[in-house]
Amino acid sequence: MPITSILMLAGIVSAFVLFGAVLAWGEHQTRDLPPTNRRRAGQRDTSRASTVAEIKIAAGGVNPENALEPAPESVG
């Protein structure tokens, strides 16, 4: 096997080894992070309800205390 082929093969193999090392390092860095999702942390997720309330308040001037109640249906 010529020297140039050996050098090219060593370069390719070392690139894959470096890529694997970077992936392993990234996983090691993120393995023991605390959960950021409220559902995984065991807390109630209220972000959707507050967003719905904010939209109702902004759209129609709804009283903030009644923002989470269903809107009356129009009969027509």
PDB file of N, CA and C in Angstrom:
ATOM      1  N   MET A   1       0.849  -1.170   0.000  1.00  0.00           N
ATOM      2  CA  MET A   1       0.000   0.000   0.000  1.00  0.00           C
ATOM      3  C   MET A   1       0.900   1.240   0.000  1.00  0.00           C
ATOM      4  N   PRO A   2       0.696   2.151  -0.945  1.00  0.00           N
ATOM      5  CA  PRO A   2       1.544   3.350  -1.027  1.00  0.00           C
ATOM      6  C   PRO A   2       1.334   4.268   0.190  1.00  0.00           C
ATOM      7  N   ILE A   3       2.315   5.073   0.454  1.00  0.00           N
ATOM      8  CA  ILE A   3       2.304   5.995   1.595  1.00  0.00           C
ATOM      9  C   ILE A   3       1.154   6.998   1.470  1.00  0.00           C
ATOM     10  N   THR A   4       0.868   7.477   0.264  1.00  0.00           N
ATOM     11  CA  THR A   4      -0.203   8.471   0.101  1.00  0.00           C
ATOM     12  C   THR A   4      -1.556   7.874   0.476  1.00  0.00           C
ATOM     13  N   SER A   5      -1.796   6.622   0.130  1.00  0.00           N
ATOM     14  CA  SER A   5      -3.053   5.967   0.493  1.00  0.00           C
ATOM     15  C   SER A   5      -3.170   5.802   2.006  1.00  0.00           C
ATOM     16  N   ILE A   6      -2.058   5.482   2.639  1.00  0.00           N
ATOM     17  CA  ILE A   6      -2.064   5.335   4.092  1.00  0.00           C
ATOM     18  C   ILE A   6      -2.351   6.676   4.759  1.00  0.00           C
ATOM     19  N   LEU A   7      -1.759   7.739   4.254  1.00  0.00           N
ATOM     20  CA  LEU A   7      -1.994   9.062   4.821  1.00  0.00           C
ATOM     21  C   LEU A   7      -3.447   9.514   4.626  1.00  0.00           C
ATOM     22  N   MET A   8      -4.000   9.253   3.452  1.00  0.00           N
ATOM     23  CA  MET A   8      -5.399   9.617   3.204  1.00  0.00           C
ATOM     24  C   MET A   8      -6.333   8.821   4.108  1.00  0.00           C
ATOM     25  N   LEU A   9      -6.082   7.523   4.247  1.00  0.00           N
ATOM     26  CA  LEU A   9      -6.894   6.688   5.116  1.00  0.00           C
ATOM     27  C   LEU A   9      -6.796   7.145   6.573  1.00  0.00           C
ATOM     28  N   ALA A  10      -5.608   7.510   7.017  1.00  0.00           N
ATOM     29  CA  ALA A  10      -5.417   7.989   8.385  1.00  0.00           C
ATOM     30  C   ALA A  10      -6.154   9.317   8.601  1.00  0.00           C
ATOM     31  N   GLY A  11      -6.156  10.173   7.593  1.00  0.00           N
ATOM     32  CA  GLY A  11      -6.889  11.445   7.695  1.00  0.00           C
ATOM     33  C   GLY A  11      -8.387  11.242   7.791  1.00  0.00           C
ATOM     34  N   ILE A  12      -8.906  10.328   6.977  1.00  0.00           N
ATOM     35  CA  ILE A  12     -10.339  10.060   6.996  1.00  0.00           C
ATOM     36  C   ILE A  12     -10.754   9.430   8.327  1.00  0.00           C
ATOM     37  N   VAL A  13      -9.982   8.451   8.788  1.00  0.00           N
ATOM     38  CA  VAL A  13     -10.293   7.794  10.055  1.00  0.00           C
ATOM     39  C   VAL A  13     -10.201   8.786  11.214  1.00  0.00           C
ATOM     40  N   SER A  14      -9.194   9.649  11.203  1.00  0.00           N
ATOM     41  CA  SER A  14      -9.060  10.624  12.283  1.00  0.00           C
ATOM     42  C   SER A  14     -10.209  11.638  12.270  1.00  0.00           C
ATOM     43  N   ALA A  15     -10.728  11.974  11.099  1.00  0.00           N
ATOM     44  CA  ALA A  15     -11.881  12.878  11.032  1.00  0.00           C
ATOM     45  C   ALA A  15     -13.103  12.230  11.681  1.00  0.00           C
ATOM     46  N   PHE A  16     -13.341  10.945  11.429  1.00  0.00           N
ATOM     47  CA  PHE A  16     -14.462  10.257  12.063  1.00  0.00           C
ATOM     48  C   PHE A  16     -14.261  10.130  13.578  1.00  0.00           C
ATOM     49  N   VAL A  17     -13.038   9.871  13.998  1.00  0.00           N
ATOM     50  CA  VAL A  17     -12.757   9.775  15.435  1.00  0.00           C
ATOM     51  C   VAL A  17     -12.990  11.129  16.101  1.00  0.00           C
ATOM     52  N   LEU A  18     -12.560  12.210  15.480  1.00  0.00           N
ATOM     53  CA  LEU A  18     -12.783  13.546  16.015  1.00  0.00           C
ATOM     54  C   LEU A  18     -14.277  13.858  16.096  1.00  0.00           C
ATOM     55  N   PHE A  19     -15.040  13.498  15.070  1.00  0.00           N
ATOM     56  CA  PHE A  19     -16.483  13.720  15.060  1.00  0.00           C
ATOM     57  C   PHE A  19     -17.154  12.943  16.196  1.00  0.00           C
ATOM     58  N   GLY A  20     -16.753  11.703  16.402  1.00  0.00           N
ATOM     59  CA  GLY A  20     -17.301  10.901  17.500  1.00  0.00           C
ATOM     60  C   GLY A  20     -16.951  11.489  18.855  1.00  0.00           C
ATOM     61  N   ALA A  21     -15.757  12.014  18.999  1.00  0.00           N
ATOM     62  CA  ALA A  21     -15.352  12.634  20.257  1.00  0.00           C
ATOM     63  C   ALA A  21     -16.172  13.887  20.544  1.00  0.00           C
ATOM     64  N   VAL A  22     -16.446  14.675  19.519  1.00  0.00           N
ATOM     65  CA  VAL A  22     -17.272  15.875  19.695  1.00  0.00           C
ATOM     66  C   VAL A  22     -18.691  15.492  20.094  1.00  0.00           C
ATOM     67  N   LEU A  23     -19.251  14.464  19.480  1.00  0.00           N
ATOM     68  CA  LEU A  23     -20.595  14.008  19.864  1.00  0.00           C
ATOM     69  C   LEU A  23     -20.621  13.500  21.296  1.00  0.00           C
ATOM     70  N   ALA A  24     -19.620  12.738  21.697  1.00  0.00           N
ATOM     71  CA  ALA A  24     -19.554  12.219  23.066  1.00  0.00           C
ATOM     72  C   ALA A  24     -19.402  13.360  24.067  1.00  0.00           C
ATOM     73  N   TRP A  25     -18.594  14.354  23.742  1.00  0.00           N
ATOM     74  CA  TRP A  25     -18.426  15.501  24.632  1.00  0.00           C
ATOM     75  C   TRP A  25     -19.732  16.279  24.776  1.00  0.00           C
ATOM     76  N   GLY A  26     -20.453  16.474  23.675  1.00  0.00           N
ATOM     77  CA  GLY A  26     -21.735  17.177  23.718  1.00  0.00           C
ATOM     78  C   GLY A  26     -22.760  16.437  24.563  1.00  0.00           C
ATOM     79  N   GLU A  27     -22.808  15.134  24.441  1.00  0.00           N
ATOM     80  CA  GLU A  27     -23.742  14.359  25.269  1.00  0.00           C
ATOM     81  C   GLU A  27     -23.345  14.428  26.733  1.00  0.00           C
ATOM     82  N   HIS A  28     -22.055  14.378  27.016  1.00  0.00           N
ATOM     83  CA  HIS A  28     -21.582  14.472  28.402  1.00  0.00           C
ATOM     84  C   HIS A  28     -21.970  15.819  29.019  1.00  0.00           C
ATOM     85  N   GLN A  29     -21.911  16.881  28.234  1.00  0.00           N
ATOM     86  CA  GLN A  29     -22.245  18.213  28.733  1.00  0.00           C
ATOM     87  C   GLN A  29     -23.733  18.354  29.048  1.00  0.00           C
ATOM     88  N   THR A  30     -24.595  17.649  28.325  1.00  0.00           N
ATOM     89  CA  THR A  30     -26.043  17.808  28.491  1.00  0.00           C
ATOM     90  C   THR A  30     -26.691  16.667  29.252  1.00  0.00           C
ATOM     91  N   ARG A  31     -25.954  15.714  29.742  1.00  0.00           N
ATOM     92  CA  ARG A  31     -26.543  14.537  30.385  1.00  0.00           C
ATOM     93  C   ARG A  31     -27.292  14.869  31.666  1.00  0.00           C
ATOM     94  N   ASP A  32     -26.755  15.698  32.549  1.00  0.00           N
ATOM     95  CA  ASP A  32     -27.352  15.942  33.851  1.00  0.00           C
ATOM     96  C   ASP A  32     -27.975  17.326  33.987  1.00  0.00           C
ATOM     97  N   LEU A  33     -28.507  17.870  32.900  1.00  0.00           N
ATOM     98  CA  LEU A  33     -29.162  19.161  32.983  1.00  0.00           C
ATOM     99  C   LEU A  33     -30.507  19.021  33.679  1.00  0.00           C
ATOM    100  N   PRO A  34     -30.916  20.020  34.447  1.00  0.00           N
ATOM    101  CA  PRO A  34     -32.241  19.945  35.072  1.00  0.00           C
ATOM    102  C   PRO A  34     -33.318  20.078  34.007  1.00  0.00           C
ATOM    103  N   PRO A  35     -34.495  19.480  34.227  1.00  0.00           N
ATOM    104  CA  PRO A  35     -35.554  19.563  33.219  1.00  0.00           C
ATOM    105  C   PRO A  35     -36.063  20.991  33.079  1.00  0.00           C
ATOM    106  N   THR A  36     -36.251  21.420  31.848  1.00  0.00           N
ATOM    107  CA  THR A  36     -36.757  22.771  31.604  1.00  0.00           C
ATOM    108  C   THR A  36     -38.240  22.756  31.267  1.00  0.00           C
ATOM    109  N   ASN A  37     -38.731  21.629  30.831  1.00  0.00           N
ATOM    110  CA  ASN A  37     -40.144  21.520  30.514  1.00  0.00           C
ATOM    111  C   ASN A  37     -40.918  21.376  31.818  1.00  0.00           C
ATOM    112  N   ARG A  38     -41.983  22.171  32.009  1.00  0.00           N
ATOM    113  CA  ARG A  38     -42.730  22.138  33.264  1.00  0.00           C
ATOM    114  C   ARG A  38     -43.410  20.801  33.482  1.00  0.00           C
ATOM    115  N   ARG A  39     -43.823  20.160  32.423  1.00  0.00           N
ATOM    116  CA  ARG A  39     -44.489  18.866  32.585  1.00  0.00           C
ATOM    117  C   ARG A  39     -43.508  17.814  33.092  1.00  0.00           C
ATOM    118  N   ARG A  40     -42.269  17.845  32.622  1.00  0.00           N
ATOM    119  CA  ARG A  40     -41.269  16.892  33.100  1.00  0.00           C
ATOM    120  C   ARG A  40     -40.872  17.195  34.533  1.00  0.00           C
ATOM    121  N   ALA A  41     -40.942  18.441  34.946  1.00  0.00           N
ATOM    122  CA  ALA A  41     -40.549  18.817  36.295  1.00  0.00           C
ATOM    123  C   ALA A  41     -41.681  18.573  37.296  1.00  0.00           C
ATOM    124  N   GLY A  42     -42.852  18.166  36.828  1.00  0.00           N
ATOM    125  CA  GLY A  42     -43.964  17.886  37.720  1.00  0.00           C
ATOM    126  C   GLY A  42     -44.790  19.111  38.065  1.00  0.00           C
ATOM    127  N   GLN A  43     -44.632  20.189  37.334  1.00  0.00           N
ATOM    128  CA  GLN A  43     -45.396  21.391  37.594  1.00  0.00           C
ATOM    129  C   GLN A  43     -46.500  21.526  36.566  1.00  0.00           C
ATOM    130  N   ARG A  44     -47.520  22.272  36.897  1.00  0.00           N
ATOM    131  CA  ARG A  44     -48.640  22.481  35.986  1.00  0.00           C
ATOM    132  C   ARG A  44     -48.245  23.500  34.930  1.00  0.00           C
ATOM    133  N   ASP A  45     -48.548  23.202  33.700  1.00  0.00           N
ATOM    134  CA  ASP A  45     -48.228  24.100  32.596  1.00  0.00           C
ATOM    135  C   ASP A  45     -49.397  25.062  32.396  1.00  0.00           C
ATOM    136  N   THR A  46     -49.219  26.317  32.763  1.00  0.00           N
ATOM    137  CA  THR A  46     -50.279  27.313  32.635  1.00  0.00           C
ATOM    138  C   THR A  46     -50.011  28.296  31.511  1.00  0.00           C
ATOM    139  N   SER A  47     -49.008  28.048  30.711  1.00  0.00           N
ATOM    140  CA  SER A  47     -48.652  29.010  29.675  1.00  0.00           C
ATOM    141  C   SER A  47     -49.740  29.146  28.620  1.00  0.00           C
ATOM    142  N   ARG A  48     -50.425  28.075  28.269  1.00  0.00           N
ATOM    143  CA  ARG A  48     -51.481  28.138  27.262  1.00  0.00           C
ATOM    144  C   ARG A  48     -52.658  28.955  27.771  1.00  0.00           C
ATOM    145  N   ALA A  49     -53.066  28.736  29.008  1.00  0.00           N
ATOM    146  CA  ALA A  49     -54.210  29.469  29.546  1.00  0.00           C
ATOM    147  C   ALA A  49     -53.916  30.960  29.604  1.00  0.00           C
ATOM    148  N   SER A  50     -52.716  31.332  30.020  1.00  0.00           N
ATOM    149  CA  SER A  50     -52.408  32.756  30.101  1.00  0.00           C
ATOM    150  C   SER A  50     -52.349  33.369  28.705  1.00  0.00           C
ATOM    151  N   THR A  51     -51.890  32.606  27.724  1.00  0.00           N
ATOM    152  CA  THR A  51     -51.840  33.125  26.362  1.00  0.00           C
ATOM    153  C   THR A  51     -53.241  33.351  25.821  1.00  0.00           C
ATOM    154  N   VAL A  52     -54.162  32.419  26.072  1.00  0.00           N
ATOM    155  CA  VAL A  52     -55.548  32.580  25.628  1.00  0.00           C
ATOM    156  C   VAL A  52     -56.166  33.794  26.291  1.00  0.00           C
ATOM    157  N   ALA A  53     -55.909  33.972  27.590  1.00  0.00           N
ATOM    158  CA  ALA A  53     -56.455  35.121  28.304  1.00  0.00           C
ATOM    159  C   ALA A  53     -55.904  36.421  27.732  1.00  0.00           C
ATOM    160  N   GLU A  54     -54.614  36.456  27.441  1.00  0.00           N
ATOM    161  CA  GLU A  54     -54.019  37.669  26.897  1.00  0.00           C
ATOM    162  C   GLU A  54     -54.581  37.998  25.524  1.00  0.00           C
ATOM    163  N   ILE A  55     -54.849  36.993  24.713  1.00  0.00           N
ATOM    164  CA  ILE A  55     -55.421  37.230  23.384  1.00  0.00           C
ATOM    165  C   ILE A  55     -56.831  37.787  23.507  1.00  0.00           C
ATOM    166  N   LYS A  56     -57.639  37.215  24.410  1.00  0.00           N
ATOM    167  CA  LYS A  56     -59.012  37.704  24.588  1.00  0.00           C
ATOM    168  C   LYS A  56     -59.017  39.133  25.102  1.00  0.00           C
ATOM    169  N   ILE A  57     -58.128  39.440  26.028  1.00  0.00           N
ATOM    170  CA  ILE A  57     -58.070  40.792  26.578  1.00  0.00           C
ATOM    171  C   ILE A  57     -57.660  41.777  25.493  1.00  0.00           C
ATOM    172  N   ALA A  58     -56.655  41.423  24.700  1.00  0.00           N
ATOM    173  CA  ALA A  58     -56.155  42.325  23.670  1.00  0.00           C
ATOM    174  C   ALA A  58     -57.149  42.483  22.525  1.00  0.00           C
ATOM    175  N   ALA A  59     -57.867  41.413  22.196  1.00  0.00           N
ATOM    176  CA  ALA A  59     -58.741  41.466  21.030  1.00  0.00           C
ATOM    177  C   ALA A  59     -60.033  42.218  21.287  1.00  0.00           C
ATOM    178  N   GLY A  60     -60.654  41.995  22.441  1.00  0.00           N
ATOM    179  CA  GLY A  60     -61.969  42.589  22.613  1.00  0.00           C
ATOM    180  C   GLY A  60     -62.144  43.411  23.855  1.00  0.00           C
ATOM    181  N   GLY A  61     -61.093  43.705  24.542  1.00  0.00           N
ATOM    182  CA  GLY A  61     -61.230  44.479  25.760  1.00  0.00           C
ATOM    183  C   GLY A  61     -61.989  43.719  26.833  1.00  0.00           C
ATOM    184  N   VAL A  62     -61.798  42.406  26.909  1.00  0.00           N
ATOM    185  CA  VAL A  62     -62.481  41.572  27.883  1.00  0.00           C
ATOM    186  C   VAL A  62     -61.928  41.876  29.266  1.00  0.00           C
ATOM    187  N   ASN A  63     -62.784  41.847  30.250  1.00  0.00           N
ATOM    188  CA  ASN A  63     -62.363  42.037  31.625  1.00  0.00           C
ATOM    189  C   ASN A  63     -61.378  40.929  31.991  1.00  0.00           C
ATOM    190  N   PRO A  64     -60.209  41.239  32.530  1.00  0.00           N
ATOM    191  CA  PRO A  64     -59.208  40.202  32.812  1.00  0.00           C
ATOM    192  C   PRO A  64     -59.690  39.108  33.753  1.00  0.00           C
ATOM    193  N   GLU A  65     -60.603  39.407  34.680  1.00  0.00           N
ATOM    194  CA  GLU A  65     -61.098  38.380  35.594  1.00  0.00           C
ATOM    195  C   GLU A  65     -61.942  37.338  34.861  1.00  0.00           C
ATOM    196  N   ASN A  66     -62.605  37.737  33.790  1.00  0.00           N
ATOM    197  CA  ASN A  66     -63.485  36.832  33.044  1.00  0.00           C
ATOM    198  C   ASN A  66     -62.861  36.331  31.755  1.00  0.00           C
ATOM    199  N   ALA A  67     -61.584  36.549  31.565  1.00  0.00           N
ATOM    200  CA  ALA A  67     -60.946  36.237  30.285  1.00  0.00           C
ATOM    201  C   ALA A  67     -60.898  34.746  30.000  1.00  0.00           C
ATOM    202  N   LEU A  68     -60.863  33.903  31.028  1.00  0.00           N
ATOM    203  CA  LEU A  68     -60.759  32.466  30.792  1.00  0.00           C
ATOM    204  C   LEU A  68     -62.124  31.797  30.673  1.00  0.00           C
ATOM    205  N   GLU A  69     -63.202  32.531  30.884  1.00  0.00           N
ATOM    206  CA  GLU A  69     -64.529  31.949  30.710  1.00  0.00           C
ATOM    207  C   GLU A  69     -64.847  31.867  29.224  1.00  0.00           C
ATOM    208  N   PRO A  70     -65.632  30.871  28.811  1.00  0.00           N
ATOM    209  CA  PRO A  70     -65.970  30.767  27.392  1.00  0.00           C
ATOM    210  C   PRO A  70     -66.796  31.961  26.929  1.00  0.00           C
ATOM    211  N   ALA A  71     -66.555  32.374  25.717  1.00  0.00           N
ATOM    212  CA  ALA A  71     -67.280  33.493  25.154  1.00  0.00           C
ATOM    213  C   ALA A  71     -68.719  33.097  24.854  1.00  0.00           C
ATOM    214  N   PRO A  72     -69.665  33.999  25.073  1.00  0.00           N
ATOM    215  CA  PRO A  72     -71.057  33.649  24.750  1.00  0.00           C
ATOM    216  C   PRO A  72     -71.224  33.476  23.252  1.00  0.00           C
ATOM    217  N   GLU A  73     -72.007  32.492  22.881  1.00  0.00           N
ATOM    218  CA  GLU A  73     -72.237  32.256  21.453  1.00  0.00           C
ATOM    219  C   GLU A  73     -73.283  33.212  20.943  1.00  0.00           C
ATOM    220  N   SER A  74     -73.035  33.738  19.772  1.00  0.00           N
ATOM    221  CA  SER A  74     -73.997  34.665  19.189  1.00  0.00           C
ATOM    222  C   SER A  74     -75.098  33.873  18.479  1.00  0.00           C
ATOM    223  N   VAL A  75     -76.294  34.314  18.677  1.00  0.00           N
ATOM    224  CA  VAL A  75     -77.442  33.667  18.031  1.00  0.00           C
ATOM    225  C   VAL A  75     -77.821  34.525  16.858  1.00  0.00           C
ATOM    226  N   GLY A  76     -77.921  33.910  15.726  1.00  0.00           N
ATOM    227  CA  GLY A  76     -78.228  34.790  14.625  1.00  0.00           C
ATOM    228  C   GLY A  76     -78.702  34.131  13.472  1.00  0.00           C
TER     229      GLY A  76
END
